[in-house]
């Protein structure tokens, strides 16, 4: 039975990957940051998270991905590595920490895995590294994002980290790259930027919307995509883990959430330039002066200028990526956020 190291196991995607591996009979070594008790981590996942898997096949290792000694110890004895660890946020006062984790941490994990001679390495990148909205064409794996499209520290760090992963593959390391789009589902405890959109909707936090769009996908499908990349992915290739029917405008997403919850979706559309101006003000006041996380994410608002719609047929064709209806994933996410945060008491879902 194969032993797989999963970095970032306390994260939204990482927790689902752990569960997917356990359910398919793998032994899993979850790499947790110091201070995380196993029971605390499992309870934080909630329904559908890592806690529901067969625990006899789960072990833990502790450390930080920026610590080469801890990483090498965690990789030792493993057959495969799935590297999901990363700082996924559109606001942080610690840009150097984001670069250290997302770029240097990736280099450290991939070097340790290559030195250990593991069979396969799956690296979790992001849809933000591919070129999008090319004269109306859907984004795919064939072209990289252009420099001016790398809006903010997160996207720049992930772009550089994916470049590191490609370099390892070119040097002979068995690296497969996966690029999740916008995962939704239970267990988004921090939450991710996508999960925050759903949570803010439940809190009636959207008086208006911007004309933008994302590709939404079930978090469980993304996790399965990681396992399938481990089993079937071609070394050196990247795969967009999304949903073929998941290209939704923000207006369409709010409409779907309205149907699920019974809460009224915002009806007023604001120009992107106005939203950008509001984001700058919020960033200056909340982020710079008060040192709080801004209510309007500046990096996310910059990204909203383009619809992040993609063609994920390569992953469906080559990996067999599942395609659960996005509405099911949204219903699960809504139910989880209500249970965790006590919002939208009158929801009819």
Protein backbone atom coordinates (compact mmCIF):
# COMPACT_ATOMS: atom_id res chain seq x y z
CA UNK A 1 0.00 0.00 0.00
CA UNK A 2 1.47 3.34 -1.11
CA UNK A 3 2.36 5.99 1.46
CA UNK A 4 1.62 9.53 0.26
CA UNK A 5 2.85 12.71 1.95
CA UNK A 6 0.33 15.56 1.72
CA UNK A 7 1.65 19.01 2.55
CA UNK A 8 -0.88 21.68 3.39
CA UNK A 9 -3.14 19.03 4.90
CA UNK A 10 -4.84 21.62 7.12
CA UNK A 11 -5.91 23.65 4.10
CA UNK A 12 -9.19 23.49 2.21
CA UNK A 13 -7.85 21.56 -0.78
CA UNK A 14 -5.28 19.62 1.24
CA UNK A 15 -7.89 18.32 3.66
CA UNK A 16 -10.06 17.08 0.82
CA UNK A 17 -7.04 15.47 -0.84
CA UNK A 18 -6.29 13.58 2.38
CA UNK A 19 -9.87 12.32 2.45
CA UNK A 20 -9.79 11.31 -1.22
CA UNK A 21 -6.55 9.35 -0.76
CA UNK A 22 -7.83 7.58 2.36
CA UNK A 23 -11.08 6.62 0.65
CA UNK A 24 -9.09 5.03 -2.19
CA UNK A 25 -6.98 2.90 0.15
CA UNK A 26 -3.78 4.93 0.31
CA UNK A 27 -1.76 5.41 3.46
CA UNK A 28 -1.41 9.12 4.14
CA UNK A 29 1.16 11.11 6.06
CA UNK A 30 -0.35 14.54 6.70
CA UNK A 31 2.22 17.29 7.08
CA UNK A 32 0.92 19.68 9.75
CA UNK A 33 2.41 22.88 11.02
CA UNK A 34 3.58 22.81 14.65
CA UNK A 35 0.77 23.50 17.08
CA UNK A 36 -1.89 21.58 15.17
CA UNK A 37 -3.18 18.64 17.19
CA UNK A 38 -4.57 15.86 15.02
CA UNK A 39 -7.94 16.03 16.74
CA UNK A 40 -8.15 19.82 16.29
CA UNK A 41 -7.35 19.48 12.62
CA UNK A 42 -9.91 16.74 12.08
CA UNK A 43 -12.67 18.62 13.88
CA UNK A 44 -11.90 21.77 11.89
CA UNK A 45 -12.67 19.90 8.67
CA UNK A 46 -16.26 19.22 9.70
CA UNK A 47 -18.62 17.02 7.63
CA UNK A 48 -16.97 15.73 4.50
CA UNK A 49 -13.48 16.56 5.71
CA UNK A 50 -10.50 14.46 6.62
CA UNK A 51 -12.09 13.25 9.85
CA UNK A 52 -14.44 10.91 8.02
CA UNK A 53 -11.70 8.75 6.49
CA UNK A 54 -10.29 5.46 7.79
CA UNK A 55 -7.91 6.73 10.47
CA UNK A 56 -5.81 3.54 10.63
CA UNK A 57 -4.15 4.68 7.37
CA UNK A 58 -3.47 8.22 8.57
CA UNK A 59 -0.33 9.44 10.30
CA UNK A 60 1.06 12.92 10.87
CA UNK A 61 4.37 14.70 10.61
CA UNK A 62 5.03 18.20 11.89
CA UNK A 63 7.00 21.05 10.40
CA UNK A 64 6.98 23.98 8.03
CA UNK A 65 7.54 23.70 4.28
CA UNK A 66 10.27 26.33 4.58
CA UNK A 67 12.28 24.05 6.90
CA UNK A 68 14.38 21.66 4.76
CA UNK A 69 15.17 19.34 7.68
CA UNK A 70 11.52 18.89 8.67
CA UNK A 71 10.47 18.41 5.06
CA UNK A 72 13.16 15.79 4.39
CA UNK A 73 12.08 13.89 7.51
CA UNK A 74 8.45 14.00 6.41
CA UNK A 75 9.27 12.78 2.88
CA UNK A 76 11.42 9.90 4.16
CA UNK A 77 9.79 6.56 3.44
CA UNK A 78 7.01 7.98 1.26
CA UNK A 79 6.22 6.65 -2.20
CA UNK A 80 4.58 9.82 -3.50
CA UNK A 81 4.19 13.48 -2.54
CA UNK A 82 1.22 15.80 -3.06
CA UNK A 83 2.28 19.38 -2.41
CA UNK A 84 -0.81 21.49 -1.73
CA UNK A 85 0.73 23.77 0.91
CA UNK A 86 0.62 27.48 0.19
CA UNK A 87 -0.62 30.82 1.42
CA UNK A 88 -3.89 31.38 -0.48
CA UNK A 89 -5.09 34.86 0.35
CA UNK A 90 -5.58 38.10 -1.53
CA UNK A 91 -4.41 40.16 1.44
CA UNK A 92 -1.43 39.77 3.71
CA UNK A 93 0.90 42.29 5.36
CA UNK A 94 3.65 39.66 5.12
CA UNK A 95 4.55 39.54 1.41
CA UNK A 96 7.95 38.01 2.19
CA UNK A 97 6.28 35.16 4.07
CA UNK A 98 4.01 34.52 1.07
CA UNK A 99 7.03 34.26 -1.22
CA UNK A 100 8.87 32.04 1.26
CA UNK A 101 5.99 29.60 1.56
CA UNK A 102 4.73 29.57 -2.01
CA UNK A 103 8.04 29.73 -3.87
CA UNK A 104 10.86 28.68 -1.54
CA UNK A 105 8.63 26.11 0.17
CA UNK A 106 7.82 24.55 -3.20
CA UNK A 107 11.50 24.34 -4.08
CA UNK A 108 12.31 22.73 -0.72
CA UNK A 109 9.50 20.14 -0.96
CA UNK A 110 10.26 19.23 -4.56
CA UNK A 111 13.99 18.95 -3.86
CA UNK A 112 13.38 16.67 -0.88
CA UNK A 113 11.00 14.52 -2.92
CA UNK A 114 13.44 14.30 -5.82
CA UNK A 115 16.32 13.43 -3.48
CA UNK A 116 14.20 10.70 -1.90
CA UNK A 117 13.43 9.21 -5.30
CA UNK A 118 9.64 9.24 -4.90
CA UNK A 119 7.56 7.76 -7.67
CA UNK A 120 5.36 10.80 -8.36
CA UNK A 121 5.02 14.42 -7.20
CA UNK A 122 1.79 16.36 -7.69
CA UNK A 123 2.15 20.11 -7.32
CA UNK A 124 -0.93 22.27 -6.69
CA UNK A 125 -0.77 25.49 -8.67
CA UNK A 126 -3.71 27.75 -9.57
CA UNK A 127 -5.85 28.78 -12.53
CA UNK A 128 -4.26 32.22 -12.18
CA UNK A 129 -1.05 31.04 -13.88
CA UNK A 130 -2.75 30.39 -17.23
CA UNK A 131 -3.66 33.05 -19.78
CA UNK A 132 -7.34 33.94 -19.62
CA UNK A 133 -9.88 35.79 -21.74
CA UNK A 134 -7.89 35.59 -24.96
CA UNK A 135 -10.21 37.52 -27.30
CA UNK A 136 -13.18 35.58 -25.99
CA UNK A 137 -11.47 32.16 -26.05
CA UNK A 138 -11.47 30.04 -22.92
CA UNK A 139 -8.22 29.71 -21.04
CA UNK A 140 -6.42 26.38 -21.19
CA UNK A 141 -3.09 24.78 -20.33
CA UNK A 142 -1.32 25.89 -23.50
CA UNK A 143 -0.49 29.50 -22.60
CA UNK A 144 0.87 31.22 -19.50
CA UNK A 145 -0.54 34.35 -17.95
CA UNK A 146 1.11 37.52 -19.20
CA UNK A 147 3.14 39.62 -16.74
CA UNK A 148 0.50 42.37 -16.51
CA UNK A 149 -2.13 39.74 -15.67
CA UNK A 150 -0.31 38.70 -12.49
CA UNK A 151 -2.31 40.99 -10.22
CA UNK A 152 -0.92 40.96 -6.71
CA UNK A 153 1.56 38.99 -4.57
CA UNK A 154 -0.45 35.76 -4.52
CA UNK A 155 -0.64 35.27 -8.27
CA UNK A 156 2.97 36.36 -8.76
CA UNK A 157 4.20 33.93 -6.12
CA UNK A 158 2.20 31.03 -7.56
CA UNK A 159 3.40 31.82 -11.08
CA UNK A 160 7.01 31.72 -9.89
CA UNK A 161 6.36 28.54 -7.89
CA UNK A 162 4.89 26.80 -10.93
CA UNK A 163 7.98 27.79 -12.87
CA UNK A 164 10.05 26.07 -10.17
CA UNK A 165 7.91 22.93 -10.54
CA UNK A 166 8.43 22.93 -14.31
CA UNK A 167 12.17 23.27 -13.87
CA UNK A 168 12.21 20.21 -11.63
CA UNK A 169 10.21 18.27 -14.23
CA UNK A 170 12.65 19.33 -16.96
CA UNK A 171 15.50 18.07 -14.80
CA UNK A 172 13.89 14.64 -14.50
CA UNK A 173 11.76 14.88 -11.37
CA UNK A 174 8.38 13.10 -11.75
CA UNK A 175 6.32 16.28 -11.32
CA UNK A 176 2.71 16.68 -12.47
CA UNK A 177 1.08 20.10 -12.08
CA UNK A 178 -2.61 20.64 -11.32
CA UNK A 179 -4.34 24.02 -11.53
CA UNK A 180 -7.61 24.16 -9.57
CA UNK A 181 -10.12 26.81 -10.63
CA UNK A 182 -12.51 28.03 -7.88
CA UNK A 183 -13.31 25.09 -5.54
CA UNK A 184 -16.43 25.20 -3.39
CA UNK A 185 -17.69 22.77 -0.77
CA UNK A 186 -17.56 21.93 2.94
CA UNK A 187 -14.48 22.40 5.09
CA UNK A 188 -13.47 25.88 3.88
CA UNK A 189 -12.64 26.96 7.40
CA UNK A 190 -10.37 29.98 6.84
CA UNK A 191 -12.14 30.63 4.30
CA UNK A 192 -10.54 30.83 0.84
CA UNK A 193 -11.35 33.90 -1.31
CA UNK A 194 -14.01 31.86 -3.14
CA UNK A 195 -15.52 30.64 0.10
CA UNK A 196 -15.57 34.20 1.41
CA UNK A 197 -17.79 35.21 -1.51
CA UNK A 198 -20.34 32.59 -0.43
CA UNK A 199 -20.04 33.51 3.24
CA UNK A 200 -20.42 37.22 2.51
CA UNK A 201 -23.51 36.47 0.42
CA UNK A 202 -25.03 34.62 3.38
CA UNK A 203 -24.21 37.62 5.57
CA UNK A 204 -25.94 39.91 3.04
CA UNK A 205 -22.61 41.54 2.31
CA UNK A 206 -23.12 42.26 -1.39
CA UNK A 207 -25.20 45.35 -2.21
CA UNK A 208 -24.06 45.09 -5.85
CA UNK A 209 -22.00 42.94 -8.19
CA UNK A 210 -19.28 43.36 -10.81
CA UNK A 211 -19.50 41.90 -14.32
CA UNK A 212 -16.93 39.17 -13.90
CA UNK A 213 -16.86 35.38 -13.72
CA UNK A 214 -15.06 32.30 -12.46
CA UNK A 215 -15.01 28.60 -13.14
CA UNK A 216 -16.54 26.93 -10.11
CA UNK A 217 -15.88 23.29 -9.26
CA UNK A 218 -16.64 20.88 -6.44
CA UNK A 219 -13.81 20.66 -3.91
CA UNK A 220 -14.25 16.89 -3.86
CA UNK A 221 -13.73 16.79 -7.63
CA UNK A 222 -10.55 18.85 -7.20
CA UNK A 223 -9.33 16.36 -4.60
CA UNK A 224 -10.12 13.44 -6.90
CA UNK A 225 -8.24 15.28 -9.62
CA UNK A 226 -5.14 15.29 -7.44
CA UNK A 227 -5.38 11.53 -6.90
CA UNK A 228 -5.98 10.95 -10.62
CA UNK A 229 -2.97 13.13 -11.45
CA UNK A 230 -0.95 10.96 -9.08
CA UNK A 231 -2.13 7.83 -10.86
CA UNK A 232 -2.50 8.92 -14.49
CA UNK A 233 -0.97 12.35 -15.00
CA UNK A 234 1.82 12.80 -17.49
CA UNK A 235 5.09 14.08 -16.02
CA UNK A 236 5.72 17.70 -16.92
CA UNK A 237 2.10 18.38 -17.89
CA UNK A 238 -0.39 20.63 -16.16
CA UNK A 239 -4.11 20.03 -15.81
CA UNK A 240 -6.87 22.55 -15.11
CA UNK A 241 -9.09 21.05 -12.43
CA UNK A 242 -12.43 22.68 -13.15
CA UNK A 243 -15.94 21.96 -14.29
CA UNK A 244 -17.04 21.94 -17.93
CA UNK A 245 -20.34 23.58 -16.91
CA UNK A 246 -18.78 25.72 -14.19
CA UNK A 247 -18.05 28.93 -16.11
CA UNK A 248 -20.45 31.27 -14.30
CA UNK A 249 -20.70 35.02 -14.11
CA UNK A 250 -20.81 36.51 -10.64
CA UNK A 251 -24.43 37.44 -11.34
CA UNK A 252 -25.22 33.80 -12.21
CA UNK A 253 -23.47 32.61 -9.04
CA UNK A 254 -25.56 34.96 -6.90
CA UNK A 255 -28.67 33.77 -8.75
CA UNK A 256 -27.82 30.17 -7.91
CA UNK A 257 -27.21 31.08 -4.27
CA UNK A 258 -30.55 32.90 -4.20
CA UNK A 259 -32.30 29.72 -5.39
CA UNK A 260 -30.47 27.64 -2.79
CA UNK A 261 -30.95 29.96 0.18
CA UNK A 262 -33.98 32.09 -0.54
CA UNK A 263 -31.87 35.19 0.13
CA UNK A 264 -32.18 37.97 -2.43
CA UNK A 265 -29.26 38.31 -4.83
CA UNK A 266 -27.90 41.81 -5.51
CA UNK A 267 -29.60 43.40 -8.50
CA UNK A 268 -27.35 46.41 -9.06
CA UNK A 269 -24.28 46.12 -11.23
CA UNK A 270 -21.36 48.49 -10.61
CA UNK A 271 -18.62 49.31 -13.15
CA UNK A 272 -15.29 47.65 -12.53
CA UNK A 273 -13.54 51.04 -12.26
CA UNK A 274 -15.86 52.08 -9.42
CA UNK A 275 -15.29 48.77 -7.63
CA UNK A 276 -11.55 49.24 -8.06
CA UNK A 277 -11.68 52.72 -6.56
CA UNK A 278 -13.63 51.41 -3.57
CA UNK A 279 -11.09 48.58 -3.16
CA UNK A 280 -8.20 51.07 -3.09
CA UNK A 281 -9.91 53.16 -0.42
CA UNK A 282 -10.70 50.07 1.64
CA UNK A 283 -7.14 48.79 1.24
CA UNK A 284 -5.68 52.11 2.38
CA UNK A 285 -7.97 52.55 5.39
CA UNK A 286 -8.40 48.97 6.59
CA UNK A 287 -5.22 47.35 5.32
CA UNK A 288 -2.65 50.16 5.63
CA UNK A 289 -3.86 52.30 8.50
CA UNK A 290 -5.82 49.87 10.68
CA UNK A 291 -3.84 46.73 9.63
CA UNK A 292 -7.07 44.74 9.24
CA UNK A 293 -8.04 42.52 6.34
CA UNK A 294 -9.91 44.75 3.88
CA UNK A 295 -13.56 43.99 3.22
CA UNK A 296 -12.97 44.48 -0.51
CA UNK A 297 -9.90 42.48 -1.61
CA UNK A 298 -7.73 44.64 -3.83
CA UNK A 299 -6.06 41.73 -5.60
CA UNK A 300 -9.40 39.99 -6.12
CA UNK A 301 -10.93 43.17 -7.53
CA UNK A 302 -8.02 43.55 -9.95
CA UNK A 303 -8.57 39.97 -11.08
CA UNK A 304 -12.28 40.70 -11.61
CA UNK A 305 -11.47 42.78 -14.66
CA UNK A 306 -11.37 39.55 -16.66
CA UNK A 307 -13.63 36.55 -16.59
CA UNK A 308 -11.57 33.59 -15.43
CA UNK A 309 -13.34 31.08 -17.63
CA UNK A 310 -11.48 27.97 -18.78
CA UNK A 311 -11.63 24.82 -20.84
CA UNK A 312 -10.81 21.92 -18.50
CA UNK A 313 -11.44 19.18 -21.08
CA UNK A 314 -7.82 17.99 -20.90
CA UNK A 315 -8.23 16.90 -17.28
CA UNK A 316 -11.57 15.28 -18.06
CA UNK A 317 -10.15 13.48 -21.07
CA UNK A 318 -6.75 12.39 -19.73
CA UNK A 319 -7.40 12.02 -16.01
CA UNK A 320 -11.10 11.22 -15.93
CA UNK A 321 -11.77 14.26 -13.71
CA UNK A 322 -15.27 13.92 -12.16
CA UNK A 323 -17.85 16.57 -13.02
CA UNK A 324 -20.31 16.84 -10.14
CA UNK A 325 -22.94 19.53 -10.69
CA UNK A 326 -21.73 22.86 -9.35
CA UNK A 327 -25.12 23.41 -7.69
CA UNK A 328 -24.51 20.37 -5.47
CA UNK A 329 -21.17 21.78 -4.35
CA UNK A 330 -22.75 25.17 -3.67
CA UNK A 331 -25.49 23.54 -1.58
CA UNK A 332 -22.88 21.67 0.46
CA UNK A 333 -20.85 24.85 0.94
CA UNK A 334 -23.91 26.83 2.03
CA UNK A 335 -24.95 24.14 4.52
CA UNK A 336 -21.42 23.98 5.94
CA UNK A 337 -21.06 27.75 6.34
CA UNK A 338 -24.47 27.95 8.02
CA UNK A 339 -23.50 25.18 10.45
CA UNK A 340 -20.11 26.73 11.20
CA UNK A 341 -20.99 30.41 11.32
CA UNK A 342 -24.68 30.50 12.26
CA UNK A 343 -25.58 32.72 9.32
CA UNK A 344 -28.75 32.87 7.22
CA UNK A 345 -30.97 31.14 9.77
CA UNK A 346 -33.97 31.31 7.47
CA UNK A 347 -32.27 29.46 4.60
CA UNK A 348 -34.57 27.00 2.90
CA UNK A 349 -31.86 24.67 1.55
